[in-house]
Amino acid sequence: MTQQTSQQEWDARWLQVTALMSTWSKDPRCGVAACIVNEDKQLVSTAYNGFPKGASDDERLHYRSQKLKMILHAEETAIMNAKGKAESCTIYINKHPCLHCCSVIAQAGIKRVVFEEPEKEFKIRWGFEESINYLKELGIKISGYKRSD
C-alpha cells in the first residue's frame, strides 16, 4: 500500500525547487524564484528574478536604483511563462511576494500562495505585513513556512 503525500510535504518539495532556482538569479543581492503548480501537483511554470530577454546581465545589476527599474520579479515571469494556465493554481515563492506581485498573482487567478518566510531585512524592505494583509483582502490562501537555516 502506498503512503499518501501530505500537502505540507508537497509544499516542502516545491519550496526546495524554488530555493534551488533562486541560485540561478544573477541578482547579486537577492535571488527570488517561483513555481506555479496546478491542482494535480503538476508543474505549470517556473521563473527567477532577472532582466528580460535580450538585456545584458551587466553592471546594472549592482546599482539598485537602475536594477529595480529593469528587473522582472520571479512571480511576474512565472505567470507570463504559464501562458494563461495559472488559473486556480498555487504559486510557490522562496520569499514573500511584494505588493505589486500580489496584484499580478490575483489578476492571474492564482488561488494560493506558499512562501518561505524571508530574512528580517527582506521583510522590512518589501513590506511583509502589507503583502500578507493584501493577499487576505484579495481572498488568496496563504501558507508561510519558517526558514530552516
N, C-alpha and C. Protein backbone atom coordinates (compact mmCIF):
# COMPACT_ATOMS: atom_id res chain seq x y z
N MET A 1 0.84 -1.17 0.00
CA MET A 1 0.00 0.00 0.00
C MET A 1 0.89 1.25 0.00
N THR A 2 0.56 2.21 -0.83
CA THR A 2 1.36 3.43 -0.96
C THR A 2 0.90 4.47 0.06
N GLN A 3 1.88 5.14 0.66
CA GLN A 3 1.55 6.18 1.62
C GLN A 3 1.21 7.47 0.87
N GLN A 4 0.15 8.14 1.29
CA GLN A 4 -0.30 9.41 0.69
C GLN A 4 0.66 10.53 1.10
N THR A 5 1.04 11.37 0.16
CA THR A 5 1.89 12.51 0.46
C THR A 5 1.01 13.67 0.92
N SER A 6 1.33 14.24 2.07
CA SER A 6 0.51 15.33 2.63
C SER A 6 0.78 16.64 1.88
N GLN A 7 -0.14 17.59 2.04
CA GLN A 7 0.02 18.91 1.43
C GLN A 7 1.29 19.58 1.94
N GLN A 8 1.59 19.43 3.23
CA GLN A 8 2.81 20.03 3.78
C GLN A 8 4.06 19.45 3.13
N GLU A 9 4.04 18.15 2.86
CA GLU A 9 5.19 17.53 2.19
C GLU A 9 5.34 18.05 0.76
N TRP A 10 4.22 18.21 0.06
CA TRP A 10 4.27 18.79 -1.29
C TRP A 10 4.80 20.22 -1.22
N ASP A 11 4.29 20.99 -0.26
CA ASP A 11 4.76 22.37 -0.11
C ASP A 11 6.26 22.40 0.11
N ALA A 12 6.76 21.54 0.97
CA ALA A 12 8.20 21.50 1.25
C ALA A 12 8.99 21.16 -0.01
N ARG A 13 8.49 20.22 -0.79
CA ARG A 13 9.18 19.83 -2.04
C ARG A 13 9.27 21.00 -3.01
N TRP A 14 8.14 21.69 -3.23
CA TRP A 14 8.14 22.80 -4.19
C TRP A 14 8.97 23.97 -3.67
N LEU A 15 8.99 24.18 -2.36
CA LEU A 15 9.85 25.24 -1.81
C LEU A 15 11.33 24.89 -2.00
N GLN A 16 11.67 23.61 -1.97
CA GLN A 16 13.04 23.19 -2.26
C GLN A 16 13.41 23.54 -3.70
N VAL A 17 12.45 23.36 -4.61
CA VAL A 17 12.69 23.71 -6.02
C VAL A 17 12.95 25.21 -6.13
N THR A 18 12.13 26.03 -5.46
CA THR A 18 12.34 27.48 -5.55
C THR A 18 13.68 27.89 -4.92
N ALA A 19 14.07 27.21 -3.85
CA ALA A 19 15.37 27.53 -3.22
C ALA A 19 16.51 27.28 -4.20
N LEU A 20 16.46 26.15 -4.90
CA LEU A 20 17.49 25.85 -5.89
C LEU A 20 17.45 26.86 -7.03
N MET A 21 16.26 27.11 -7.56
CA MET A 21 16.13 28.03 -8.69
C MET A 21 16.57 29.45 -8.35
N SER A 22 16.40 29.86 -7.10
CA SER A 22 16.80 31.22 -6.73
C SER A 22 18.30 31.44 -6.90
N THR A 23 19.07 30.36 -6.86
CA THR A 23 20.52 30.47 -7.05
C THR A 23 20.88 30.76 -8.51
N TRP A 24 19.93 30.59 -9.41
CA TRP A 24 20.17 30.87 -10.82
C TRP A 24 20.04 32.36 -11.15
N SER A 25 19.43 33.12 -10.24
CA SER A 25 19.27 34.55 -10.46
C SER A 25 20.64 35.21 -10.52
N LYS A 26 20.78 36.19 -11.37
CA LYS A 26 22.03 36.94 -11.47
C LYS A 26 22.06 38.12 -10.50
N ASP A 27 20.94 38.38 -9.81
CA ASP A 27 20.88 39.49 -8.86
C ASP A 27 21.86 39.23 -7.73
N PRO A 28 22.86 40.09 -7.55
CA PRO A 28 23.87 39.84 -6.53
C PRO A 28 23.37 40.02 -5.09
N ARG A 29 22.24 40.66 -4.90
CA ARG A 29 21.74 40.90 -3.54
C ARG A 29 20.60 39.97 -3.13
N CYS A 30 19.80 39.54 -4.09
CA CYS A 30 18.61 38.80 -3.69
C CYS A 30 18.07 37.93 -4.83
N GLY A 31 18.25 36.63 -4.70
CA GLY A 31 17.70 35.71 -5.68
C GLY A 31 16.31 35.26 -5.25
N VAL A 32 15.34 35.42 -6.14
CA VAL A 32 13.97 35.01 -5.87
C VAL A 32 13.53 34.09 -7.00
N ALA A 33 12.81 33.03 -6.64
CA ALA A 33 12.28 32.10 -7.65
C ALA A 33 10.83 31.76 -7.31
N ALA A 34 10.10 31.35 -8.35
CA ALA A 34 8.70 30.98 -8.19
C ALA A 34 8.38 29.78 -9.07
N CYS A 35 7.50 28.92 -8.56
CA CYS A 35 6.96 27.79 -9.32
C CYS A 35 5.45 27.86 -9.25
N ILE A 36 4.80 27.65 -10.36
CA ILE A 36 3.34 27.57 -10.38
C ILE A 36 2.97 26.12 -10.60
N VAL A 37 2.09 25.61 -9.73
CA VAL A 37 1.73 24.20 -9.73
C VAL A 37 0.20 24.10 -9.75
N ASN A 38 -0.31 23.19 -10.59
CA ASN A 38 -1.77 23.06 -10.68
C ASN A 38 -2.32 22.16 -9.59
N GLU A 39 -3.62 21.97 -9.59
CA GLU A 39 -4.29 21.19 -8.54
C GLU A 39 -3.90 19.72 -8.55
N ASP A 40 -3.36 19.23 -9.66
CA ASP A 40 -2.89 17.84 -9.76
C ASP A 40 -1.42 17.70 -9.39
N LYS A 41 -0.84 18.75 -8.80
CA LYS A 41 0.57 18.78 -8.36
C LYS A 41 1.53 18.74 -9.54
N GLN A 42 1.07 19.19 -10.70
CA GLN A 42 1.90 19.23 -11.90
C GLN A 42 2.47 20.64 -12.08
N LEU A 43 3.73 20.69 -12.46
CA LEU A 43 4.41 21.96 -12.67
C LEU A 43 3.87 22.64 -13.93
N VAL A 44 3.43 23.88 -13.76
CA VAL A 44 2.91 24.66 -14.88
C VAL A 44 3.97 25.62 -15.41
N SER A 45 4.74 26.22 -14.48
CA SER A 45 5.70 27.24 -14.88
C SER A 45 6.71 27.48 -13.78
N THR A 46 7.88 27.97 -14.16
CA THR A 46 8.92 28.38 -13.21
C THR A 46 9.55 29.68 -13.68
N ALA A 47 10.22 30.36 -12.76
CA ALA A 47 10.98 31.56 -13.13
C ALA A 47 11.80 32.01 -11.93
N TYR A 48 12.79 32.85 -12.22
CA TYR A 48 13.56 33.52 -11.18
C TYR A 48 13.71 34.97 -11.58
N ASN A 49 14.04 35.84 -10.63
CA ASN A 49 14.13 37.26 -10.94
C ASN A 49 15.34 37.55 -11.82
N GLY A 50 15.17 38.51 -12.71
CA GLY A 50 16.25 38.90 -13.61
C GLY A 50 15.78 39.88 -14.65
N PHE A 51 16.71 40.29 -15.47
CA PHE A 51 16.39 41.20 -16.56
C PHE A 51 15.61 40.44 -17.64
N PRO A 52 14.84 41.16 -18.45
CA PRO A 52 14.08 40.50 -19.52
C PRO A 52 14.99 39.96 -20.62
N LYS A 53 14.40 39.13 -21.46
CA LYS A 53 15.13 38.57 -22.62
C LYS A 53 15.79 39.70 -23.41
N GLY A 54 17.01 39.50 -23.79
CA GLY A 54 17.73 40.46 -24.61
C GLY A 54 18.55 41.47 -23.82
N ALA A 55 18.26 41.64 -22.53
CA ALA A 55 19.03 42.58 -21.71
C ALA A 55 20.28 41.88 -21.19
N SER A 56 21.36 42.59 -21.19
CA SER A 56 22.63 42.03 -20.73
C SER A 56 22.69 42.01 -19.20
N ASP A 57 23.18 40.91 -18.66
CA ASP A 57 23.41 40.80 -17.21
C ASP A 57 24.74 41.50 -16.91
N ASP A 58 24.70 42.82 -16.86
CA ASP A 58 25.94 43.59 -16.71
C ASP A 58 25.97 44.34 -15.38
N GLU A 59 26.78 45.38 -15.31
CA GLU A 59 26.99 46.13 -14.07
C GLU A 59 25.71 46.77 -13.53
N ARG A 60 24.68 46.92 -14.36
CA ARG A 60 23.43 47.49 -13.87
C ARG A 60 22.84 46.67 -12.73
N LEU A 61 23.17 45.39 -12.67
CA LEU A 61 22.70 44.54 -11.58
C LEU A 61 23.24 44.99 -10.22
N HIS A 62 24.34 45.74 -10.22
CA HIS A 62 24.97 46.18 -8.98
C HIS A 62 24.51 47.56 -8.53
N TYR A 63 23.67 48.22 -9.32
CA TYR A 63 23.17 49.54 -8.99
C TYR A 63 21.67 49.44 -8.74
N ARG A 64 21.31 49.43 -7.45
CA ARG A 64 19.94 49.13 -7.03
C ARG A 64 18.90 49.99 -7.75
N SER A 65 19.10 51.29 -7.82
CA SER A 65 18.09 52.15 -8.44
C SER A 65 17.88 51.79 -9.91
N GLN A 66 18.94 51.50 -10.63
CA GLN A 66 18.84 51.09 -12.03
C GLN A 66 18.22 49.71 -12.15
N LYS A 67 18.70 48.78 -11.34
CA LYS A 67 18.23 47.39 -11.38
C LYS A 67 16.73 47.31 -11.13
N LEU A 68 16.25 48.03 -10.11
CA LEU A 68 14.84 47.93 -9.75
C LEU A 68 13.91 48.47 -10.83
N LYS A 69 14.41 49.34 -11.68
CA LYS A 69 13.61 49.85 -12.79
C LYS A 69 13.49 48.82 -13.92
N MET A 70 14.41 47.88 -13.98
CA MET A 70 14.50 46.97 -15.12
C MET A 70 14.14 45.52 -14.81
N ILE A 71 14.38 45.08 -13.59
CA ILE A 71 14.29 43.66 -13.27
C ILE A 71 12.84 43.18 -13.25
N LEU A 72 12.64 41.98 -13.71
CA LEU A 72 11.33 41.33 -13.61
C LEU A 72 11.35 40.44 -12.38
N HIS A 73 10.28 40.51 -11.61
CA HIS A 73 10.18 39.66 -10.43
C HIS A 73 9.85 38.24 -10.86
N ALA A 74 10.27 37.28 -10.06
CA ALA A 74 10.06 35.87 -10.37
C ALA A 74 8.57 35.55 -10.56
N GLU A 75 7.73 36.11 -9.70
CA GLU A 75 6.29 35.84 -9.78
C GLU A 75 5.71 36.31 -11.11
N GLU A 76 6.10 37.52 -11.54
CA GLU A 76 5.61 38.06 -12.81
C GLU A 76 6.02 37.16 -13.98
N THR A 77 7.28 36.78 -14.00
CA THR A 77 7.79 35.98 -15.11
C THR A 77 7.17 34.58 -15.11
N ALA A 78 7.00 33.99 -13.92
CA ALA A 78 6.36 32.67 -13.85
C ALA A 78 4.93 32.73 -14.40
N ILE A 79 4.22 33.80 -14.08
CA ILE A 79 2.85 33.96 -14.59
C ILE A 79 2.86 34.15 -16.10
N MET A 80 3.79 34.95 -16.61
CA MET A 80 3.89 35.10 -18.07
C MET A 80 4.24 33.78 -18.73
N ASN A 81 5.17 33.03 -18.13
CA ASN A 81 5.57 31.74 -18.68
C ASN A 81 4.44 30.71 -18.65
N ALA A 82 3.48 30.90 -17.75
CA ALA A 82 2.34 29.97 -17.64
C ALA A 82 1.39 30.10 -18.83
N LYS A 83 1.48 31.19 -19.55
CA LYS A 83 0.69 31.42 -20.77
C LYS A 83 -0.81 31.16 -20.55
N GLY A 84 -1.35 31.78 -19.49
CA GLY A 84 -2.78 31.70 -19.21
C GLY A 84 -3.23 30.46 -18.46
N LYS A 85 -2.30 29.63 -18.01
CA LYS A 85 -2.67 28.39 -17.32
C LYS A 85 -2.48 28.47 -15.80
N ALA A 86 -2.40 29.68 -15.25
CA ALA A 86 -2.18 29.85 -13.81
C ALA A 86 -3.48 29.85 -13.00
N GLU A 87 -4.60 29.95 -13.67
CA GLU A 87 -5.91 29.99 -13.00
C GLU A 87 -6.07 28.82 -12.04
N SER A 88 -6.46 29.11 -10.82
CA SER A 88 -6.72 28.12 -9.75
C SER A 88 -5.47 27.38 -9.27
N CYS A 89 -4.31 27.84 -9.65
CA CYS A 89 -3.06 27.18 -9.26
C CYS A 89 -2.53 27.72 -7.94
N THR A 90 -1.46 27.10 -7.48
CA THR A 90 -0.68 27.55 -6.33
C THR A 90 0.64 28.08 -6.85
N ILE A 91 1.08 29.20 -6.28
CA ILE A 91 2.41 29.71 -6.61
C ILE A 91 3.29 29.55 -5.37
N TYR A 92 4.47 28.96 -5.58
CA TYR A 92 5.46 28.76 -4.54
C TYR A 92 6.57 29.77 -4.77
N ILE A 93 6.99 30.45 -3.68
CA ILE A 93 7.99 31.50 -3.78
C ILE A 93 8.97 31.34 -2.63
N ASN A 94 10.26 31.48 -2.89
CA ASN A 94 11.23 31.34 -1.81
C ASN A 94 11.30 32.58 -0.91
N LYS A 95 10.57 33.62 -1.22
CA LYS A 95 10.40 34.82 -0.39
C LYS A 95 8.91 35.16 -0.44
N HIS A 96 8.47 36.14 0.34
CA HIS A 96 7.08 36.56 0.22
C HIS A 96 6.94 37.51 -0.97
N PRO A 97 5.75 37.59 -1.59
CA PRO A 97 5.58 38.50 -2.73
C PRO A 97 5.46 39.96 -2.29
N CYS A 98 5.92 40.87 -3.12
CA CYS A 98 5.74 42.30 -2.87
C CYS A 98 4.28 42.66 -3.21
N LEU A 99 3.88 43.87 -2.89
CA LEU A 99 2.50 44.30 -3.16
C LEU A 99 2.15 44.21 -4.64
N HIS A 100 3.06 44.67 -5.49
CA HIS A 100 2.80 44.61 -6.93
C HIS A 100 2.57 43.18 -7.39
N CYS A 101 3.42 42.27 -6.94
CA CYS A 101 3.26 40.86 -7.34
C CYS A 101 1.98 40.26 -6.77
N CYS A 102 1.54 40.71 -5.60
CA CYS A 102 0.26 40.25 -5.07
C CYS A 102 -0.86 40.58 -6.05
N SER A 103 -0.82 41.78 -6.61
CA SER A 103 -1.83 42.19 -7.60
C SER A 103 -1.76 41.32 -8.85
N VAL A 104 -0.56 41.05 -9.32
CA VAL A 104 -0.37 40.23 -10.51
C VAL A 104 -0.85 38.80 -10.25
N ILE A 105 -0.56 38.27 -9.07
CA ILE A 105 -0.98 36.93 -8.68
C ILE A 105 -2.51 36.84 -8.68
N ALA A 106 -3.17 37.83 -8.08
CA ALA A 106 -4.64 37.84 -8.05
C ALA A 106 -5.22 37.94 -9.45
N GLN A 107 -4.66 38.80 -10.27
CA GLN A 107 -5.18 39.00 -11.63
C GLN A 107 -5.05 37.73 -12.47
N ALA A 108 -4.03 36.92 -12.19
CA ALA A 108 -3.82 35.67 -12.93
C ALA A 108 -4.77 34.56 -12.47
N GLY A 109 -5.47 34.80 -11.36
CA GLY A 109 -6.42 33.80 -10.86
C GLY A 109 -5.80 32.74 -9.97
N ILE A 110 -4.59 33.00 -9.50
CA ILE A 110 -3.94 32.06 -8.59
C ILE A 110 -4.70 32.08 -7.27
N LYS A 111 -4.93 30.91 -6.72
CA LYS A 111 -5.77 30.78 -5.52
C LYS A 111 -4.99 30.62 -4.22
N ARG A 112 -3.71 30.28 -4.31
CA ARG A 112 -2.93 30.00 -3.09
C ARG A 112 -1.48 30.43 -3.30
N VAL A 113 -0.91 31.05 -2.26
CA VAL A 113 0.50 31.45 -2.26
C VAL A 113 1.19 30.73 -1.12
N VAL A 114 2.29 30.06 -1.44
CA VAL A 114 3.10 29.38 -0.43
C VAL A 114 4.50 29.99 -0.52
N PHE A 115 5.01 30.41 0.62
CA PHE A 115 6.33 31.03 0.62
C PHE A 115 7.10 30.61 1.84
N GLU A 116 8.42 30.70 1.71
CA GLU A 116 9.29 30.50 2.84
C GLU A 116 9.54 31.87 3.44
N GLU A 117 9.26 32.02 4.72
CA GLU A 117 9.39 33.32 5.35
C GLU A 117 10.82 33.84 5.20
N PRO A 118 10.98 35.02 4.60
CA PRO A 118 12.33 35.54 4.33
C PRO A 118 12.99 36.16 5.56
N GLU A 119 14.23 36.56 5.35
CA GLU A 119 15.01 37.21 6.39
C GLU A 119 14.34 38.53 6.78
N LYS A 120 14.67 39.01 7.98
CA LYS A 120 14.07 40.23 8.52
C LYS A 120 14.26 41.42 7.58
N GLU A 121 15.47 41.60 7.06
CA GLU A 121 15.76 42.74 6.17
C GLU A 121 14.84 42.72 4.94
N PHE A 122 14.66 41.54 4.34
CA PHE A 122 13.80 41.42 3.16
C PHE A 122 12.36 41.75 3.52
N LYS A 123 11.91 41.27 4.68
CA LYS A 123 10.53 41.50 5.13
C LYS A 123 10.27 43.00 5.30
N ILE A 124 11.24 43.71 5.84
CA ILE A 124 11.08 45.15 6.04
C ILE A 124 11.11 45.88 4.70
N ARG A 125 12.10 45.56 3.88
CA ARG A 125 12.28 46.25 2.59
C ARG A 125 11.07 46.07 1.67
N TRP A 126 10.48 44.88 1.67
CA TRP A 126 9.40 44.58 0.72
C TRP A 126 8.02 44.52 1.36
N GLY A 127 7.87 45.00 2.59
CA GLY A 127 6.55 45.16 3.20
C GLY A 127 5.81 43.87 3.47
N PHE A 128 6.41 43.00 4.27
CA PHE A 128 5.83 41.69 4.57
C PHE A 128 4.38 41.78 5.07
N GLU A 129 4.16 42.56 6.11
CA GLU A 129 2.81 42.66 6.70
C GLU A 129 1.80 43.21 5.69
N GLU A 130 2.21 44.22 4.93
CA GLU A 130 1.31 44.78 3.91
C GLU A 130 0.95 43.73 2.87
N SER A 131 1.93 42.95 2.44
CA SER A 131 1.68 41.91 1.44
C SER A 131 0.72 40.85 1.97
N ILE A 132 0.94 40.40 3.19
CA ILE A 132 0.09 39.37 3.79
C ILE A 132 -1.34 39.89 3.91
N ASN A 133 -1.50 41.11 4.40
CA ASN A 133 -2.83 41.70 4.52
C ASN A 133 -3.51 41.87 3.16
N TYR A 134 -2.73 42.24 2.16
CA TYR A 134 -3.29 42.42 0.81
C TYR A 134 -3.74 41.09 0.22
N LEU A 135 -2.93 40.04 0.39
CA LEU A 135 -3.34 38.72 -0.10
C LEU A 135 -4.64 38.28 0.56
N LYS A 136 -4.77 38.53 1.86
CA LYS A 136 -6.01 38.19 2.57
C LYS A 136 -7.18 38.97 1.99
N GLU A 137 -6.97 40.27 1.75
CA GLU A 137 -8.02 41.11 1.16
C GLU A 137 -8.45 40.57 -0.20
N LEU A 138 -7.48 40.07 -0.96
CA LEU A 138 -7.76 39.56 -2.30
C LEU A 138 -8.39 38.16 -2.27
N GLY A 139 -8.49 37.57 -1.09
CA GLY A 139 -9.11 36.25 -0.96
C GLY A 139 -8.22 35.10 -1.37
N ILE A 140 -6.91 35.32 -1.31
CA ILE A 140 -5.94 34.30 -1.71
C ILE A 140 -5.46 33.57 -0.45
N LYS A 141 -5.48 32.26 -0.49
CA LYS A 141 -4.99 31.46 0.64
C LYS A 141 -3.48 31.62 0.76
N ILE A 142 -3.02 31.64 2.00
CA ILE A 142 -1.59 31.87 2.29
C ILE A 142 -1.07 30.75 3.17
N SER A 143 0.09 30.21 2.81
CA SER A 143 0.81 29.26 3.66
C SER A 143 2.26 29.72 3.71
N GLY A 144 2.69 30.11 4.90
CA GLY A 144 4.07 30.53 5.09
C GLY A 144 4.81 29.53 5.95
N TYR A 145 6.06 29.30 5.62
CA TYR A 145 6.89 28.35 6.35
C TYR A 145 8.11 29.06 6.88
N LYS A 146 8.48 28.72 8.11
CA LYS A 146 9.68 29.30 8.70
C LYS A 146 10.91 28.77 7.98
N ARG A 147 11.89 29.64 7.86
CA ARG A 147 13.16 29.26 7.24
C ARG A 147 13.82 28.18 8.08
N SER A 148 14.49 27.26 7.42
CA SER A 148 15.13 26.15 8.12
C SER A 148 16.61 26.41 8.45
N ASP A 149 17.15 27.54 8.01
CA ASP A 149 18.58 27.80 8.26
C ASP A 149 18.83 28.58 9.51
